[in-house]
Amino acid sequence: MKKKNKLLNTETVNKVCLNCAHGKHSPDGESVLCIKKGIMLPNSSCRKFEYDPLNRTPARPVSFGEFSAEDFEL
């Protein structure tokens, strides 16, 4: 029986090898070393995909720039 983790919303996760629990980043950064399938492209996926939130790299925060007092006046 497959174990489902109900705490994480895995429906919205991109199913790519970079986010898989079986894949590890290669030293060159251009491929993923998969336990199940061997060397894979970072954006590829397979049927053995299992989401690992620790492998995900978060998006960079948006910078808003600098504001002056004039920006907040009515």
N, C-alpha and C. Protein backbone atom coordinates (compact mmCIF):
# COMPACT_ATOMS: atom_id res chain seq x y z
N MET A 1 0.84 -1.16 0.00
CA MET A 1 0.00 0.00 0.00
C MET A 1 0.89 1.23 0.00
N LYS A 2 0.52 2.21 -0.80
CA LYS A 2 1.27 3.44 -0.90
C LYS A 2 0.97 4.35 0.27
N LYS A 3 2.00 4.89 0.86
CA LYS A 3 1.83 5.80 1.99
C LYS A 3 1.72 7.22 1.47
N LYS A 4 0.67 7.93 1.83
CA LYS A 4 0.46 9.29 1.40
C LYS A 4 0.64 10.23 2.58
N ASN A 5 1.35 11.28 2.33
CA ASN A 5 1.55 12.30 3.35
C ASN A 5 0.50 13.38 3.15
N LYS A 6 -0.44 13.49 4.04
CA LYS A 6 -1.53 14.44 3.90
C LYS A 6 -1.15 15.83 4.38
N LEU A 7 0.04 15.99 4.96
CA LEU A 7 0.44 17.30 5.45
C LEU A 7 0.95 18.20 4.33
N LEU A 8 1.47 17.61 3.26
CA LEU A 8 2.01 18.39 2.16
C LEU A 8 1.06 18.37 0.98
N ASN A 9 0.91 19.48 0.32
CA ASN A 9 0.08 19.56 -0.87
C ASN A 9 0.95 19.17 -2.06
N THR A 10 1.02 17.90 -2.37
CA THR A 10 1.90 17.41 -3.43
C THR A 10 1.27 17.49 -4.80
N GLU A 11 0.01 17.92 -4.91
CA GLU A 11 -0.62 18.03 -6.22
C GLU A 11 -0.05 19.19 -7.03
N THR A 12 0.42 20.24 -6.37
CA THR A 12 0.92 21.41 -7.07
C THR A 12 2.43 21.39 -7.26
N VAL A 13 3.09 20.30 -6.94
CA VAL A 13 4.54 20.19 -7.04
C VAL A 13 4.92 19.80 -8.47
N ASN A 14 5.94 20.48 -9.02
CA ASN A 14 6.46 20.09 -10.32
C ASN A 14 7.16 18.74 -10.19
N LYS A 15 6.74 17.78 -10.99
CA LYS A 15 7.33 16.45 -10.92
C LYS A 15 8.56 16.40 -11.82
N VAL A 16 9.67 16.89 -11.28
CA VAL A 16 10.95 16.88 -11.99
C VAL A 16 11.99 16.20 -11.10
N CYS A 17 13.03 15.71 -11.73
CA CYS A 17 14.06 14.96 -11.00
C CYS A 17 14.78 15.80 -9.95
N LEU A 18 14.81 17.10 -10.11
CA LEU A 18 15.45 17.95 -9.10
C LEU A 18 14.74 17.90 -7.76
N ASN A 19 13.42 17.62 -7.75
CA ASN A 19 12.65 17.58 -6.52
C ASN A 19 12.41 16.16 -6.01
N CYS A 20 13.01 15.17 -6.62
CA CYS A 20 12.74 13.77 -6.28
C CYS A 20 13.62 13.29 -5.12
N ALA A 21 13.07 12.40 -4.32
CA ALA A 21 13.81 11.84 -3.18
C ALA A 21 14.90 10.87 -3.64
N HIS A 22 14.76 10.29 -4.82
CA HIS A 22 15.73 9.32 -5.32
C HIS A 22 16.89 9.99 -6.05
N GLY A 23 16.75 11.27 -6.42
CA GLY A 23 17.77 11.96 -7.19
C GLY A 23 18.67 12.81 -6.33
N LYS A 24 19.92 12.88 -6.70
CA LYS A 24 20.91 13.73 -6.04
C LYS A 24 21.54 14.63 -7.10
N HIS A 25 21.83 15.87 -6.74
CA HIS A 25 22.45 16.80 -7.67
C HIS A 25 23.86 16.33 -8.00
N SER A 26 24.23 16.38 -9.28
CA SER A 26 25.59 16.01 -9.67
C SER A 26 26.52 17.18 -9.40
N PRO A 27 27.82 16.93 -9.30
CA PRO A 27 28.76 18.02 -9.01
C PRO A 27 28.79 19.10 -10.09
N ASP A 28 28.56 18.73 -11.36
CA ASP A 28 28.59 19.73 -12.42
C ASP A 28 27.31 20.56 -12.48
N GLY A 29 26.23 20.09 -11.87
CA GLY A 29 24.98 20.83 -11.81
C GLY A 29 24.12 20.71 -13.05
N GLU A 30 24.54 19.95 -14.05
CA GLU A 30 23.79 19.82 -15.29
C GLU A 30 23.01 18.52 -15.39
N SER A 31 23.09 17.67 -14.38
CA SER A 31 22.36 16.41 -14.41
C SER A 31 22.02 15.99 -12.97
N VAL A 32 21.18 14.97 -12.88
CA VAL A 32 20.74 14.44 -11.59
C VAL A 32 21.12 12.97 -11.55
N LEU A 33 21.71 12.53 -10.45
CA LEU A 33 22.08 11.14 -10.28
C LEU A 33 20.95 10.42 -9.55
N CYS A 34 20.24 9.56 -10.29
CA CYS A 34 19.07 8.88 -9.75
C CYS A 34 19.42 7.46 -9.35
N ILE A 35 18.94 7.02 -8.20
CA ILE A 35 19.17 5.66 -7.72
C ILE A 35 18.43 4.66 -8.60
N LYS A 36 17.24 5.04 -9.07
CA LYS A 36 16.39 4.13 -9.83
C LYS A 36 16.72 4.08 -11.32
N LYS A 37 17.02 5.23 -11.94
CA LYS A 37 17.16 5.31 -13.40
C LYS A 37 18.55 5.67 -13.89
N GLY A 38 19.46 6.06 -13.02
CA GLY A 38 20.80 6.44 -13.47
C GLY A 38 20.92 7.94 -13.64
N ILE A 39 21.64 8.37 -14.66
CA ILE A 39 21.84 9.79 -14.92
C ILE A 39 20.64 10.32 -15.68
N MET A 40 20.03 11.38 -15.14
CA MET A 40 18.82 11.96 -15.73
C MET A 40 19.02 13.46 -15.92
N LEU A 41 18.22 14.04 -16.81
CA LEU A 41 18.21 15.49 -16.97
C LEU A 41 17.45 16.12 -15.80
N PRO A 42 17.80 17.33 -15.39
CA PRO A 42 17.14 17.94 -14.23
C PRO A 42 15.63 18.14 -14.41
N ASN A 43 15.17 18.39 -15.63
CA ASN A 43 13.76 18.66 -15.86
C ASN A 43 12.97 17.44 -16.28
N SER A 44 13.58 16.26 -16.31
CA SER A 44 12.86 15.05 -16.68
C SER A 44 12.20 14.43 -15.45
N SER A 45 11.39 13.42 -15.68
CA SER A 45 10.74 12.72 -14.57
C SER A 45 10.46 11.28 -14.99
N CYS A 46 10.10 10.44 -14.01
CA CYS A 46 9.78 9.05 -14.29
C CYS A 46 8.64 8.61 -13.36
N ARG A 47 8.25 7.36 -13.48
CA ARG A 47 7.15 6.84 -12.67
C ARG A 47 7.52 6.67 -11.21
N LYS A 48 8.79 6.62 -10.89
CA LYS A 48 9.26 6.42 -9.52
C LYS A 48 9.39 7.73 -8.74
N PHE A 49 8.84 8.82 -9.26
CA PHE A 49 8.96 10.13 -8.62
C PHE A 49 8.36 10.11 -7.22
N GLU A 50 9.13 10.62 -6.28
CA GLU A 50 8.68 10.76 -4.90
C GLU A 50 9.18 12.12 -4.42
N TYR A 51 8.26 12.97 -4.04
CA TYR A 51 8.59 14.35 -3.68
C TYR A 51 9.39 14.42 -2.39
N ASP A 52 10.47 15.20 -2.42
CA ASP A 52 11.27 15.47 -1.24
C ASP A 52 11.40 16.98 -1.08
N PRO A 53 10.75 17.58 -0.09
CA PRO A 53 10.78 19.04 0.04
C PRO A 53 12.17 19.60 0.34
N LEU A 54 13.08 18.79 0.84
CA LEU A 54 14.42 19.29 1.13
C LEU A 54 15.27 19.45 -0.13
N ASN A 55 14.92 18.80 -1.21
CA ASN A 55 15.65 18.95 -2.47
C ASN A 55 15.23 20.19 -3.25
N ARG A 56 14.10 20.76 -2.92
CA ARG A 56 13.58 21.90 -3.66
C ARG A 56 14.37 23.15 -3.33
N THR A 57 14.72 23.91 -4.35
CA THR A 57 15.37 25.20 -4.12
C THR A 57 14.30 26.28 -4.24
N PRO A 58 14.08 27.07 -3.20
CA PRO A 58 13.02 28.08 -3.23
C PRO A 58 13.35 29.21 -4.20
N ALA A 59 12.31 29.86 -4.69
CA ALA A 59 12.49 31.00 -5.58
C ALA A 59 13.07 32.17 -4.79
N ARG A 60 13.80 33.01 -5.48
CA ARG A 60 14.38 34.17 -4.83
C ARG A 60 13.29 35.18 -4.49
N PRO A 61 13.39 35.85 -3.36
CA PRO A 61 12.38 36.85 -3.02
C PRO A 61 12.44 38.04 -3.97
N VAL A 62 11.30 38.62 -4.20
CA VAL A 62 11.20 39.76 -5.09
C VAL A 62 11.70 41.01 -4.37
N SER A 63 12.57 41.74 -5.03
CA SER A 63 13.05 42.98 -4.43
C SER A 63 12.19 44.13 -4.93
N PHE A 64 11.75 44.97 -4.02
CA PHE A 64 10.88 46.07 -4.36
C PHE A 64 11.63 47.37 -4.62
N GLY A 65 12.89 47.38 -4.40
CA GLY A 65 13.67 48.60 -4.58
C GLY A 65 13.59 49.48 -3.35
N GLU A 66 14.02 50.70 -3.50
CA GLU A 66 14.00 51.64 -2.39
C GLU A 66 12.88 52.65 -2.60
N PHE A 67 12.22 53.01 -1.54
CA PHE A 67 11.13 53.97 -1.57
C PHE A 67 11.52 55.24 -0.82
N SER A 68 10.96 56.32 -1.25
CA SER A 68 11.17 57.59 -0.55
C SER A 68 9.88 58.01 0.13
N ALA A 69 9.93 59.07 0.91
CA ALA A 69 8.74 59.56 1.60
C ALA A 69 7.71 60.08 0.61
N GLU A 70 8.14 60.57 -0.55
CA GLU A 70 7.24 61.09 -1.56
C GLU A 70 6.34 59.98 -2.14
N ASP A 71 6.80 58.76 -2.14
CA ASP A 71 6.03 57.66 -2.67
C ASP A 71 4.78 57.37 -1.85
N PHE A 72 4.80 57.74 -0.57
CA PHE A 72 3.70 57.43 0.32
C PHE A 72 2.80 58.62 0.61
N GLU A 73 3.03 59.72 -0.05
CA GLU A 73 2.19 60.90 0.17
C GLU A 73 0.97 60.85 -0.73
N LEU A 74 -0.12 61.45 -0.23
CA LEU A 74 -1.34 61.54 -1.03
C LEU A 74 -1.45 62.85 -1.75
